Amino acid sequence: WTGNTTIYSDSVKGRFTISRDNAKNTVYLQMNRLQPEDTAVYY
């Protein structure tokens, strides 16, 4: 909530980036170098 700490699963580390824009009340997940094993429903 402070915005100064993030965690990632080992399987996405280095490929995915989580960010938040508190002014827009929105959270993002940038997913790069996607692989078939990333196929899923994302919540």
PDB file of all heavy atoms in Angstrom:
ATOM      1  N   TRP A   1       0.817  -1.205   0.000  1.00  0.00           N
ATOM      2  CA  TRP A   1       0.000   0.000   0.000  1.00  0.00           C
ATOM      3  C   TRP A   1       0.856   1.261   0.000  1.00  0.00           C
ATOM      4  O   TRP A   1       0.443   2.278  -0.555  1.00  0.00           O
ATOM      5  CB  TRP A   1      -0.974   0.005   1.193  1.00  0.00           C
ATOM      6  CG  TRP A   1      -0.334   0.166   2.529  1.00  0.00           C
ATOM      7  CD1 TRP A   1       0.231  -0.807   3.311  1.00  0.00           C
ATOM      8  CD2 TRP A   1      -0.184   1.380   3.263  1.00  0.00           C
ATOM      9  NE1 TRP A   1       0.715  -0.288   4.478  1.00  0.00           N
ATOM     10  CE2 TRP A   1       0.476   1.058   4.483  1.00  0.00           C
ATOM     11  CE3 TRP A   1      -0.535   2.699   3.023  1.00  0.00           C
ATOM     12  CZ2 TRP A   1       0.767   2.007   5.443  1.00  0.00           C
ATOM     13  CZ3 TRP A   1      -0.242   3.663   3.978  1.00  0.00           C
ATOM     14  CH2 TRP A   1       0.406   3.310   5.177  1.00  0.00           C
ATOM     15  N   THR A   2       2.058   1.195   0.550  1.00  0.00           N
ATOM     16  CA  THR A   2       2.952   2.350   0.573  1.00  0.00           C
ATOM     17  C   THR A   2       3.567   2.617  -0.787  1.00  0.00           C
ATOM     18  O   THR A   2       4.142   3.683  -1.020  1.00  0.00           O
ATOM     19  CB  THR A   2       4.073   2.134   1.585  1.00  0.00           C
ATOM     20  OG1 THR A   2       4.752   0.902   1.267  1.00  0.00           O
ATOM     21  CG2 THR A   2       3.529   2.044   2.995  1.00  0.00           C
ATOM     22  N   GLY A   3       3.500   1.620  -1.672  1.00  0.00           N
ATOM     23  CA  GLY A   3       4.051   1.784  -3.003  1.00  0.00           C
ATOM     24  C   GLY A   3       5.540   1.549  -3.112  1.00  0.00           C
ATOM     25  O   GLY A   3       6.110   1.672  -4.205  1.00  0.00           O
ATOM     26  N   ASN A   4       6.192   1.179  -2.030  1.00  0.00           N
ATOM     27  CA  ASN A   4       7.652   1.064  -2.061  1.00  0.00           C
ATOM     28  C   ASN A   4       8.151  -0.378  -2.053  1.00  0.00           C
ATOM     29  O   ASN A   4       9.364  -0.612  -1.971  1.00  0.00           O
ATOM     30  CB  ASN A   4       8.272   1.819  -0.880  1.00  0.00           C
ATOM     31  CG  ASN A   4       7.834   1.257   0.467  1.00  0.00           C
ATOM     32  OD1 ASN A   4       7.016   0.338   0.536  1.00  0.00           O
ATOM     33  ND2 ASN A   4       8.367   1.815   1.543  1.00  0.00           N
ATOM     34  N   THR A   5       7.240  -1.335  -2.150  1.00  0.00           N
ATOM     35  CA  THR A   5       7.642  -2.736  -2.146  1.00  0.00           C
ATOM     36  C   THR A   5       6.775  -3.522  -3.122  1.00  0.00           C
ATOM     37  O   THR A   5       5.551  -3.334  -3.156  1.00  0.00           O
ATOM     38  CB  THR A   5       7.479  -3.353  -0.744  1.00  0.00           C
ATOM     39  OG1 THR A   5       8.252  -2.600   0.190  1.00  0.00           O
ATOM     40  CG2 THR A   5       7.953  -4.806  -0.734  1.00  0.00           C
ATOM     41  N   THR A   6       7.419  -4.363  -3.909  1.00  0.00           N
ATOM     42  CA  THR A   6       6.700  -5.264  -4.804  1.00  0.00           C
ATOM     43  C   THR A   6       7.261  -6.668  -4.646  1.00  0.00           C
ATOM     44  O   THR A   6       8.420  -6.850  -4.259  1.00  0.00           O
ATOM     45  CB  THR A   6       6.835  -4.841  -6.274  1.00  0.00           C
ATOM     46  OG1 THR A   6       8.218  -4.763  -6.617  1.00  0.00           O
ATOM     47  CG2 THR A   6       6.186  -3.501  -6.525  1.00  0.00           C
ATOM     48  N   ILE A   7       6.431  -7.647  -4.938  1.00  0.00           N
ATOM     49  CA  ILE A   7       6.869  -9.045  -4.959  1.00  0.00           C
ATOM     50  C   ILE A   7       6.411  -9.671  -6.261  1.00  0.00           C
ATOM     51  O   ILE A   7       5.413  -9.239  -6.861  1.00  0.00           O
ATOM     52  CB  ILE A   7       6.312  -9.861  -3.762  1.00  0.00           C
ATOM     53  CG1 ILE A   7       4.787  -9.916  -3.812  1.00  0.00           C
ATOM     54  CG2 ILE A   7       6.821  -9.309  -2.443  1.00  0.00           C
ATOM     55  CD1 ILE A   7       4.185 -10.971  -2.888  1.00  0.00           C
ATOM     56  N   TYR A   8       7.146 -10.694  -6.695  1.00  0.00           N
ATOM     57  CA  TYR A   8       6.818 -11.418  -7.908  1.00  0.00           C
ATOM     58  C   TYR A   8       7.047 -12.901  -7.684  1.00  0.00           C
ATOM     59  O   TYR A   8       7.950 -13.296  -6.935  1.00  0.00           O
ATOM     60  CB  TYR A   8       7.695 -10.965  -9.075  1.00  0.00           C
ATOM     61  CG  TYR A   8       7.501  -9.532  -9.483  1.00  0.00           C
ATOM     62  CD1 TYR A   8       8.291  -8.522  -8.957  1.00  0.00           C
ATOM     63  CD2 TYR A   8       6.500  -9.184 -10.403  1.00  0.00           C
ATOM     64  CE1 TYR A   8       8.092  -7.196  -9.319  1.00  0.00           C
ATOM     65  CE2 TYR A   8       6.307  -7.865 -10.775  1.00  0.00           C
ATOM     66  CZ  TYR A   8       7.101  -6.879 -10.223  1.00  0.00           C
ATOM     67  OH  TYR A   8       6.910  -5.575 -10.590  1.00  0.00           O
ATOM     68  N   SER A   9       6.235 -13.715  -8.353  1.00  0.00           N
ATOM     69  CA  SER A   9       6.522 -15.136  -8.345  1.00  0.00           C
ATOM     70  C   SER A   9       7.780 -15.379  -9.163  1.00  0.00           C
ATOM     71  O   SER A   9       8.119 -14.603 -10.067  1.00  0.00           O
ATOM     72  CB  SER A   9       5.349 -15.923  -8.923  1.00  0.00           C
ATOM     73  OG  SER A   9       5.212 -15.656 -10.303  1.00  0.00           O
ATOM     74  N   ASP A  10       8.469 -16.444  -8.870  1.00  0.00           N
ATOM     75  CA  ASP A  10       9.711 -16.743  -9.581  1.00  0.00           C
ATOM     76  C   ASP A  10       9.460 -16.924 -11.070  1.00  0.00           C
ATOM     77  O   ASP A  10      10.312 -16.581 -11.900  1.00  0.00           O
ATOM     78  CB  ASP A  10      10.351 -18.008  -9.005  1.00  0.00           C
ATOM     79  CG  ASP A  10      10.963 -17.778  -7.637  1.00  0.00           C
ATOM     80  OD1 ASP A  10      11.188 -16.602  -7.269  1.00  0.00           O
ATOM     81  OD2 ASP A  10      11.202 -18.774  -6.931  1.00  0.00           O
ATOM     82  N   SER A  11       8.301 -17.421 -11.425  1.00  0.00           N
ATOM     83  CA  SER A  11       8.024 -17.738 -12.829  1.00  0.00           C
ATOM     84  C   SER A  11       7.836 -16.492 -13.691  1.00  0.00           C
ATOM     85  O   SER A  11       7.936 -16.583 -14.922  1.00  0.00           O
ATOM     86  CB  SER A  11       6.780 -18.626 -12.930  1.00  0.00           C
ATOM     87  OG  SER A  11       5.642 -17.962 -12.399  1.00  0.00           O
ATOM     88  N   VAL A  12       7.553 -15.344 -13.086  1.00  0.00           N
ATOM     89  CA  VAL A  12       7.319 -14.140 -13.886  1.00  0.00           C
ATOM     90  C   VAL A  12       8.365 -13.058 -13.626  1.00  0.00           C
ATOM     91  O   VAL A  12       8.372 -12.030 -14.321  1.00  0.00           O
ATOM     92  CB  VAL A  12       5.913 -13.554 -13.633  1.00  0.00           C
ATOM     93  CG1 VAL A  12       4.842 -14.625 -13.823  1.00  0.00           C
ATOM     94  CG2 VAL A  12       5.811 -12.915 -12.267  1.00  0.00           C
ATOM     95  N   LYS A  13       9.223 -13.271 -12.657  1.00  0.00           N
ATOM     96  CA  LYS A  13      10.210 -12.263 -12.296  1.00  0.00           C
ATOM     97  C   LYS A  13      11.072 -11.919 -13.501  1.00  0.00           C
ATOM     98  O   LYS A  13      11.572 -12.796 -14.210  1.00  0.00           O
ATOM     99  CB  LYS A  13      11.078 -12.787 -11.145  1.00  0.00           C
ATOM    100  CG  LYS A  13      11.773 -11.724 -10.328  1.00  0.00           C
ATOM    101  CD  LYS A  13      12.423 -12.355  -9.097  1.00  0.00           C
ATOM    102  CE  LYS A  13      11.403 -12.883  -8.128  1.00  0.00           C
ATOM    103  NZ  LYS A  13      12.016 -13.427  -6.892  1.00  0.00           N
ATOM    104  N   GLY A  14      11.230 -10.625 -13.745  1.00  0.00           N
ATOM    105  CA  GLY A  14      12.018 -10.180 -14.889  1.00  0.00           C
ATOM    106  C   GLY A  14      11.208 -10.024 -16.163  1.00  0.00           C
ATOM    107  O   GLY A  14      11.695  -9.444 -17.148  1.00  0.00           O
ATOM    108  N   ARG A  15       9.982 -10.548 -16.182  1.00  0.00           N
ATOM    109  CA  ARG A  15       9.121 -10.428 -17.370  1.00  0.00           C
ATOM    110  C   ARG A  15       7.885  -9.571 -17.104  1.00  0.00           C
ATOM    111  O   ARG A  15       7.416  -8.876 -18.006  1.00  0.00           O
ATOM    112  CB  ARG A  15       8.666 -11.817 -17.831  1.00  0.00           C
ATOM    113  CG  ARG A  15       9.810 -12.743 -18.212  1.00  0.00           C
ATOM    114  CD  ARG A  15       9.277 -14.015 -18.866  1.00  0.00           C
ATOM    115  NE  ARG A  15       8.446 -14.800 -17.948  1.00  0.00           N
ATOM    116  CZ  ARG A  15       7.189 -15.171 -18.225  1.00  0.00           C
ATOM    117  NH1 ARG A  15       6.620 -14.837 -19.358  1.00  0.00           N
ATOM    118  NH2 ARG A  15       6.505 -15.894 -17.342  1.00  0.00           N
ATOM    119  N   PHE A  16       7.366  -9.647 -15.901  1.00  0.00           N
ATOM    120  CA  PHE A  16       6.149  -8.920 -15.545  1.00  0.00           C
ATOM    121  C   PHE A  16       6.486  -7.763 -14.607  1.00  0.00           C
ATOM    122  O   PHE A  16       7.417  -7.870 -13.790  1.00  0.00           O
ATOM    123  CB  PHE A  16       5.154  -9.830 -14.828  1.00  0.00           C
ATOM    124  CG  PHE A  16       4.518 -10.904 -15.674  1.00  0.00           C
ATOM    125  CD1 PHE A  16       4.993 -11.225 -16.939  1.00  0.00           C
ATOM    126  CD2 PHE A  16       3.430 -11.620 -15.195  1.00  0.00           C
ATOM    127  CE1 PHE A  16       4.404 -12.206 -17.713  1.00  0.00           C
ATOM    128  CE2 PHE A  16       2.828 -12.614 -15.951  1.00  0.00           C
ATOM    129  CZ  PHE A  16       3.326 -12.907 -17.208  1.00  0.00           C
ATOM    130  N   THR A  17       5.687  -6.695 -14.700  1.00  0.00           N
ATOM    131  CA  THR A  17       5.858  -5.551 -13.813  1.00  0.00           C
ATOM    132  C   THR A  17       4.498  -5.095 -13.311  1.00  0.00           C
ATOM    133  O   THR A  17       3.602  -4.812 -14.115  1.00  0.00           O
ATOM    134  CB  THR A  17       6.551  -4.390 -14.532  1.00  0.00           C
ATOM    135  OG1 THR A  17       7.811  -4.816 -15.050  1.00  0.00           O
ATOM    136  CG2 THR A  17       6.771  -3.228 -13.570  1.00  0.00           C
ATOM    137  N   ILE A  18       4.370  -5.015 -12.000  1.00  0.00           N
ATOM    138  CA  ILE A  18       3.149  -4.483 -11.402  1.00  0.00           C
ATOM    139  C   ILE A  18       3.375  -3.016 -11.056  1.00  0.00           C
ATOM    140  O   ILE A  18       4.462  -2.621 -10.638  1.00  0.00           O
ATOM    141  CB  ILE A  18       2.737  -5.281 -10.144  1.00  0.00           C
ATOM    142  CG1 ILE A  18       1.367  -4.822  -9.639  1.00  0.00           C
ATOM    143  CG2 ILE A  18       3.784  -5.177  -9.036  1.00  0.00           C
ATOM    144  CD1 ILE A  18       0.789  -5.711  -8.529  1.00  0.00           C
ATOM    145  N   SER A  19       2.341  -2.214 -11.281  1.00  0.00           N
ATOM    146  CA  SER A  19       2.431  -0.803 -10.939  1.00  0.00           C
ATOM    147  C   SER A  19       1.054  -0.311 -10.502  1.00  0.00           C
ATOM    148  O   SER A  19       0.045  -0.956 -10.776  1.00  0.00           O
ATOM    149  CB  SER A  19       2.949   0.021 -12.116  1.00  0.00           C
ATOM    150  OG  SER A  19       2.084  -0.083 -13.225  1.00  0.00           O
ATOM    151  N   ARG A  20       1.057   0.823  -9.846  1.00  0.00           N
ATOM    152  CA  ARG A  20      -0.202   1.385  -9.390  1.00  0.00           C
ATOM    153  C   ARG A  20      -0.238   2.881  -9.634  1.00  0.00           C
ATOM    154  O   ARG A  20       0.797   3.543  -9.518  1.00  0.00           O
ATOM    155  CB  ARG A  20      -0.424   1.094  -7.902  1.00  0.00           C
ATOM    156  CG  ARG A  20       0.630   1.665  -6.977  1.00  0.00           C
ATOM    157  CD  ARG A  20       0.562   1.035  -5.588  1.00  0.00           C
ATOM    158  NE  ARG A  20      -0.707   1.272  -4.924  1.00  0.00           N
ATOM    159  CZ  ARG A  20      -1.223   0.499  -3.980  1.00  0.00           C
ATOM    160  NH1 ARG A  20      -0.590  -0.579  -3.594  1.00  0.00           N
ATOM    161  NH2 ARG A  20      -2.375   0.799  -3.424  1.00  0.00           N
ATOM    162  N   ASP A  21      -1.390   3.379 -10.015  1.00  0.00           N
ATOM    163  CA  ASP A  21      -1.612   4.804 -10.188  1.00  0.00           C
ATOM    164  C   ASP A  21      -2.729   5.187  -9.222  1.00  0.00           C
ATOM    165  O   ASP A  21      -3.909   5.026  -9.530  1.00  0.00           O
ATOM    166  CB  ASP A  21      -1.995   5.105 -11.636  1.00  0.00           C
ATOM    167  CG  ASP A  21      -2.080   6.596 -11.921  1.00  0.00           C
ATOM    168  OD1 ASP A  21      -2.350   7.365 -10.964  1.00  0.00           O
ATOM    169  OD2 ASP A  21      -1.906   6.992 -13.081  1.00  0.00           O
ATOM    170  N   ASN A  22      -2.331   5.672  -8.075  1.00  0.00           N
ATOM    171  CA  ASN A  22      -3.334   5.974  -7.046  1.00  0.00           C
ATOM    172  C   ASN A  22      -4.287   7.081  -7.494  1.00  0.00           C
ATOM    173  O   ASN A  22      -5.467   7.078  -7.126  1.00  0.00           O
ATOM    174  CB  ASN A  22      -2.652   6.358  -5.737  1.00  0.00           C
ATOM    175  CG  ASN A  22      -1.975   5.183  -5.059  1.00  0.00           C
ATOM    176  OD1 ASN A  22      -2.312   4.028  -5.323  1.00  0.00           O
ATOM    177  ND2 ASN A  22      -1.009   5.465  -4.210  1.00  0.00           N
ATOM    178  N   ALA A  23      -3.790   8.007  -8.293  1.00  0.00           N
ATOM    179  CA  ALA A  23      -4.650   9.098  -8.760  1.00  0.00           C
ATOM    180  C   ALA A  23      -5.770   8.572  -9.654  1.00  0.00           C
ATOM    181  O   ALA A  23      -6.888   9.106  -9.637  1.00  0.00           O
ATOM    182  CB  ALA A  23      -3.821  10.131  -9.502  1.00  0.00           C
ATOM    183  N   LYS A  24      -5.467   7.523 -10.418  1.00  0.00           N
ATOM    184  CA  LYS A  24      -6.476   6.919 -11.289  1.00  0.00           C
ATOM    185  C   LYS A  24      -7.179   5.743 -10.629  1.00  0.00           C
ATOM    186  O   LYS A  24      -8.054   5.128 -11.239  1.00  0.00           O
ATOM    187  CB  LYS A  24      -5.828   6.456 -12.598  1.00  0.00           C
ATOM    188  CG  LYS A  24      -5.299   7.597 -13.441  1.00  0.00           C
ATOM    189  CD  LYS A  24      -4.747   7.080 -14.759  1.00  0.00           C
ATOM    190  CE  LYS A  24      -4.261   8.238 -15.631  1.00  0.00           C
ATOM    191  NZ  LYS A  24      -3.698   7.771 -16.921  1.00  0.00           N
ATOM    192  N   ASN A  25      -6.746   5.439  -9.420  1.00  0.00           N
ATOM    193  CA  ASN A  25      -7.320   4.298  -8.693  1.00  0.00           C
ATOM    194  C   ASN A  25      -7.251   3.007  -9.508  1.00  0.00           C
ATOM    195  O   ASN A  25      -8.199   2.225  -9.571  1.00  0.00           O
ATOM    196  CB  ASN A  25      -8.765   4.572  -8.289  1.00  0.00           C
ATOM    197  CG  ASN A  25      -9.056   4.169  -6.848  1.00  0.00           C
ATOM    198  OD1 ASN A  25      -8.173   4.228  -5.993  1.00  0.00           O
ATOM    199  ND2 ASN A  25     -10.282   3.773  -6.569  1.00  0.00           N
ATOM    200  N   THR A  26      -6.100   2.804 -10.124  1.00  0.00           N
ATOM    201  CA  THR A  26      -5.917   1.692 -11.064  1.00  0.00           C
ATOM    202  C   THR A  26      -4.581   0.996 -10.819  1.00  0.00           C
ATOM    203  O   THR A  26      -3.587   1.656 -10.494  1.00  0.00           O
ATOM    204  CB  THR A  26      -5.990   2.195 -12.509  1.00  0.00           C
ATOM    205  OG1 THR A  26      -7.246   2.805 -12.738  1.00  0.00           O
ATOM    206  CG2 THR A  26      -5.815   1.051 -13.509  1.00  0.00           C
ATOM    207  N   VAL A  27      -4.592  -0.305 -10.981  1.00  0.00           N
ATOM    208  CA  VAL A  27      -3.387  -1.119 -10.887  1.00  0.00           C
ATOM    209  C   VAL A  27      -3.159  -1.774 -12.236  1.00  0.00           C
ATOM    210  O   VAL A  27      -4.117  -2.139 -12.940  1.00  0.00           O
ATOM    211  CB  VAL A  27      -3.533  -2.202  -9.802  1.00  0.00           C
ATOM    212  CG1 VAL A  27      -2.290  -3.082  -9.721  1.00  0.00           C
ATOM    213  CG2 VAL A  27      -3.803  -1.553  -8.446  1.00  0.00           C
ATOM    214  N   TYR A  28      -1.893  -1.936 -12.590  1.00  0.00           N
ATOM    215  CA  TYR A  28      -1.547  -2.495 -13.884  1.00  0.00           C
ATOM    216  C   TYR A  28      -0.641  -3.716 -13.705  1.00  0.00           C
ATOM    217  O   TYR A  28       0.098  -3.828 -12.725  1.00  0.00           O
ATOM    218  CB  TYR A  28      -0.815  -1.463 -14.736  1.00  0.00           C
ATOM    219  CG  TYR A  28      -1.592  -0.192 -14.942  1.00  0.00           C
ATOM    220  CD1 TYR A  28      -1.356   0.929 -14.149  1.00  0.00           C
ATOM    221  CD2 TYR A  28      -2.574  -0.104 -15.931  1.00  0.00           C
ATOM    222  CE1 TYR A  28      -2.063   2.102 -14.326  1.00  0.00           C
ATOM    223  CE2 TYR A  28      -3.287   1.070 -16.114  1.00  0.00           C
ATOM    224  CZ  TYR A  28      -3.033   2.163 -15.306  1.00  0.00           C
ATOM    225  OH  TYR A  28      -3.749   3.325 -15.485  1.00  0.00           O
ATOM    226  N   LEU A  29      -0.673  -4.579 -14.716  1.00  0.00           N
ATOM    227  CA  LEU A  29       0.286  -5.667 -14.793  1.00  0.00           C
ATOM    228  C   LEU A  29       0.802  -5.706 -16.230  1.00  0.00           C
ATOM    229  O   LEU A  29       0.076  -6.106 -17.136  1.00  0.00           O
ATOM    230  CB  LEU A  29      -0.331  -7.015 -14.414  1.00  0.00           C
ATOM    231  CG  LEU A  29       0.658  -8.182 -14.367  1.00  0.00           C
ATOM    232  CD1 LEU A  29       1.646  -8.011 -13.209  1.00  0.00           C
ATOM    233  CD2 LEU A  29      -0.067  -9.527 -14.240  1.00  0.00           C
ATOM    234  N   GLN A  30       2.030  -5.254 -16.420  1.00  0.00           N
ATOM    235  CA  GLN A  30       2.672  -5.303 -17.726  1.00  0.00           C
ATOM    236  C   GLN A  30       3.319  -6.669 -17.873  1.00  0.00           C
ATOM    237  O   GLN A  30       4.160  -7.046 -17.049  1.00  0.00           O
ATOM    238  CB  GLN A  30       3.717  -4.196 -17.868  1.00  0.00           C
ATOM    239  CG  GLN A  30       4.465  -4.221 -19.177  1.00  0.00           C
ATOM    240  CD  GLN A  30       3.588  -3.921 -20.376  1.00  0.00           C
ATOM    241  OE1 GLN A  30       2.782  -2.996 -20.337  1.00  0.00           O
ATOM    242  NE2 GLN A  30       3.745  -4.692 -21.451  1.00  0.00           N
ATOM    243  N   MET A  31       2.934  -7.398 -18.903  1.00  0.00           N
ATOM    244  CA  MET A  31       3.431  -8.758 -19.107  1.00  0.00           C
ATOM    245  C   MET A  31       4.189  -8.817 -20.424  1.00  0.00           C
ATOM    246  O   MET A  31       3.606  -8.604 -21.491  1.00  0.00           O
ATOM    247  CB  MET A  31       2.264  -9.749 -19.119  1.00  0.00           C
ATOM    248  CG  MET A  31       1.375  -9.662 -17.876  1.00  0.00           C
ATOM    249  SD  MET A  31       0.103 -10.918 -17.812  1.00  0.00           S
ATOM    250  CE  MET A  31      -0.899 -10.460 -19.228  1.00  0.00           C
ATOM    251  N   ASN A  32       5.481  -9.069 -20.334  1.00  0.00           N
ATOM    252  CA  ASN A  32       6.346  -9.157 -21.514  1.00  0.00           C
ATOM    253  C   ASN A  32       6.862 -10.578 -21.673  1.00  0.00           C
ATOM    254  O   ASN A  32       6.869 -11.358 -20.716  1.00  0.00           O
ATOM    255  CB  ASN A  32       7.516  -8.187 -21.384  1.00  0.00           C
ATOM    256  CG  ASN A  32       7.070  -6.743 -21.307  1.00  0.00           C
ATOM    257  OD1 ASN A  32       6.059  -6.352 -21.882  1.00  0.00           O
ATOM    258  ND2 ASN A  32       7.831  -5.945 -20.585  1.00  0.00           N
ATOM    259  N   ARG A  33       7.329 -10.883 -22.878  1.00  0.00           N
ATOM    260  CA  ARG A  33       7.884 -12.205 -23.194  1.00  0.00           C
ATOM    261  C   ARG A  33       6.955 -13.303 -22.700  1.00  0.00           C
ATOM    262  O   ARG A  33       7.382 -14.250 -22.021  1.00  0.00           O
ATOM    263  CB  ARG A  33       9.292 -12.341 -22.605  1.00  0.00           C
ATOM    264  CG  ARG A  33      10.250 -11.240 -23.046  1.00  0.00           C
ATOM    265  CD  ARG A  33      11.706 -11.598 -22.858  1.00  0.00           C
ATOM    266  NE  ARG A  33      12.039 -12.054 -21.525  1.00  0.00           N
ATOM    267  CZ  ARG A  33      12.346 -11.254 -20.518  1.00  0.00           C
ATOM    268  NH1 ARG A  33      12.298  -9.946 -20.680  1.00  0.00           N
ATOM    269  NH2 ARG A  33      12.675 -11.760 -19.348  1.00  0.00           N
ATOM    270  N   LEU A  34       5.708 -13.182 -23.055  1.00  0.00           N
ATOM    271  CA  LEU A  34       4.712 -14.157 -22.613  1.00  0.00           C
ATOM    272  C   LEU A  34       4.987 -15.533 -23.202  1.00  0.00           C
ATOM    273  O   LEU A  34       5.455 -15.666 -24.341  1.00  0.00           O
ATOM    274  CB  LEU A  34       3.308 -13.682 -22.995  1.00  0.00           C
ATOM    275  CG  LEU A  34       2.737 -12.590 -22.077  1.00  0.00           C
ATOM    276  CD1 LEU A  34       1.624 -11.831 -22.771  1.00  0.00           C
ATOM    277  CD2 LEU A  34       2.258 -13.192 -20.778  1.00  0.00           C
ATOM    278  N   GLN A  35       4.688 -16.543 -22.394  1.00  0.00           N
ATOM    279  CA  GLN A  35       4.895 -17.935 -22.776  1.00  0.00           C
ATOM    280  C   GLN A  35       3.573 -18.694 -22.634  1.00  0.00           C
ATOM    281  O   GLN A  35       2.683 -18.269 -21.868  1.00  0.00           O
ATOM    282  CB  GLN A  35       5.964 -18.560 -21.898  1.00  0.00           C
ATOM    283  CG  GLN A  35       7.328 -17.889 -22.017  1.00  0.00           C
ATOM    284  CD  GLN A  35       7.848 -17.922 -23.441  1.00  0.00           C
ATOM    285  OE1 GLN A  35       7.757 -18.940 -24.146  1.00  0.00           O
ATOM    286  NE2 GLN A  35       8.413 -16.806 -23.897  1.00  0.00           N
ATOM    287  N   PRO A  36       3.417 -19.816 -23.337  1.00  0.00           N
ATOM    288  CA  PRO A  36       2.164 -20.585 -23.219  1.00  0.00           C
ATOM    289  C   PRO A  36       1.811 -20.929 -21.775  1.00  0.00           C
ATOM    290  O   PRO A  36       0.623 -20.979 -21.429  1.00  0.00           O
ATOM    291  CB  PRO A  36       2.450 -21.832 -24.048  1.00  0.00           C
ATOM    292  CG  PRO A  36       3.411 -21.354 -25.094  1.00  0.00           C
ATOM    293  CD  PRO A  36       4.288 -20.357 -24.392  1.00  0.00           C
ATOM    294  N   GLU A  37       2.797 -21.132 -20.939  1.00  0.00           N
ATOM    295  CA  GLU A  37       2.523 -21.473 -19.535  1.00  0.00           C
ATOM    296  C   GLU A  37       1.965 -20.295 -18.737  1.00  0.00           C
ATOM    297  O   GLU A  37       1.553 -20.469 -17.584  1.00  0.00           O
ATOM    298  CB  GLU A  37       3.774 -22.021 -18.848  1.00  0.00           C
ATOM    299  CG  GLU A  37       5.012 -21.173 -18.995  1.00  0.00           C
ATOM    300  CD  GLU A  37       5.880 -21.603 -20.176  1.00  0.00           C
ATOM    301  OE1 GLU A  37       5.335 -22.032 -21.222  1.00  0.00           O
ATOM    302  OE2 GLU A  37       7.119 -21.482 -20.041  1.00  0.00           O
ATOM    303  N   ASP A  38       1.928 -19.110 -19.338  1.00  0.00           N
ATOM    304  CA  ASP A  38       1.299 -17.959 -18.689  1.00  0.00           C
ATOM    305  C   ASP A  38      -0.210 -17.936 -18.937  1.00  0.00           C
ATOM    306  O   ASP A  38      -0.910 -17.078 -18.384  1.00  0.00           O
ATOM    307  CB  ASP A  38       1.910 -16.655 -19.205  1.00  0.00           C
ATOM    308  CG  ASP A  38       3.373 -16.498 -18.833  1.00  0.00           C
ATOM    309  OD1 ASP A  38       3.716 -16.786 -17.670  1.00  0.00           O
ATOM    310  OD2 ASP A  38       4.164 -16.097 -19.720  1.00  0.00           O
ATOM    311  N   THR A  39      -0.690 -18.833 -19.755  1.00  0.00           N
ATOM    312  CA  THR A  39      -2.125 -18.904 -20.029  1.00  0.00           C
ATOM    313  C   THR A  39      -2.893 -19.194 -18.754  1.00  0.00           C
ATOM    314  O   THR A  39      -2.620 -20.170 -18.044  1.00  0.00           O
ATOM    315  CB  THR A  39      -2.423 -20.006 -21.059  1.00  0.00           C
ATOM    316  OG1 THR A  39      -1.827 -19.641 -22.308  1.00  0.00           O
ATOM    317  CG2 THR A  39      -3.920 -20.183 -21.259  1.00  0.00           C
ATOM    318  N   ALA A  40      -3.847 -18.323 -18.441  1.00  0.00           N
ATOM    319  CA  ALA A  40      -4.604 -18.442 -17.192  1.00  0.00           C
ATOM    320  C   ALA A  40      -5.656 -17.345 -17.145  1.00  0.00           C
ATOM    321  O   ALA A  40      -5.656 -16.423 -17.975  1.00  0.00           O
ATOM    322  CB  ALA A  40      -3.677 -18.310 -15.989  1.00  0.00           C
ATOM    323  N   VAL A  41      -6.532 -17.457 -16.159  1.00  0.00           N
ATOM    324  CA  VAL A  41      -7.408 -16.336 -15.801  1.00  0.00           C
ATOM    325  C   VAL A  41      -6.652 -15.521 -14.764  1.00  0.00           C
ATOM    326  O   VAL A  41      -6.163 -16.076 -13.763  1.00  0.00           O
ATOM    327  CB  VAL A  41      -8.753 -16.828 -15.240  1.00  0.00           C
ATOM    328  CG1 VAL A  41      -9.611 -15.638 -14.815  1.00  0.00           C
ATOM    329  CG2 VAL A  41      -9.497 -17.664 -16.276  1.00  0.00           C
ATOM    330  N   TYR A  42      -6.558 -14.227 -15.006  1.00  0.00           N
ATOM    331  CA  TYR A  42      -5.826 -13.336 -14.115  1.00  0.00           C
ATOM    332  C   TYR A  42      -6.822 -12.528 -13.284  1.00  0.00           C
ATOM    333  O   TYR A  42      -7.749 -11.917 -13.838  1.00  0.00           O
ATOM    334  CB  TYR A  42      -4.925 -12.411 -14.928  1.00  0.00           C
ATOM    335  CG  TYR A  42      -3.688 -13.114 -15.425  1.00  0.00           C
ATOM    336  CD1 TYR A  42      -3.771 -14.055 -16.444  1.00  0.00           C
ATOM    337  CD2 TYR A  42      -2.434 -12.850 -14.877  1.00  0.00           C
ATOM    338  CE1 TYR A  42      -2.645 -14.726 -16.895  1.00  0.00           C
ATOM    339  CE2 TYR A  42      -1.304 -13.508 -15.327  1.00  0.00           C
ATOM    340  CZ  TYR A  42      -1.415 -14.443 -16.330  1.00  0.00           C
ATOM    341  OH  TYR A  42      -0.298 -15.111 -16.770  1.00  0.00           O
ATOM    342  N   TYR A  43      -6.591 -12.525 -11.966  1.00  0.00           N
ATOM    343  CA  TYR A  43      -7.481 -11.848 -11.024  1.00  0.00           C
ATOM    344  C   TYR A  43      -6.758 -10.694 -10.337  1.00  0.00           C
ATOM    345  O   TYR A  43      -5.640 -10.874  -9.831  1.00  0.00           O
ATOM    346  CB  TYR A  43      -7.966 -12.819  -9.951  1.00  0.00           C
ATOM    347  CG  TYR A  43      -8.798 -13.961 -10.467  1.00  0.00           C
ATOM    348  CD1 TYR A  43      -8.201 -15.161 -10.828  1.00  0.00           C
ATOM    349  CD2 TYR A  43     -10.176 -13.839 -10.599  1.00  0.00           C
ATOM    350  CE1 TYR A  43      -8.963 -16.217 -11.305  1.00  0.00           C
ATOM    351  CE2 TYR A  43     -10.945 -14.887 -11.077  1.00  0.00           C
ATOM    352  CZ  TYR A  43     -10.326 -16.075 -11.422  1.00  0.00           C
ATOM    353  OH  TYR A  43     -11.074 -17.123 -11.893  1.00  0.00           O
TER     354      TYR A  43
END
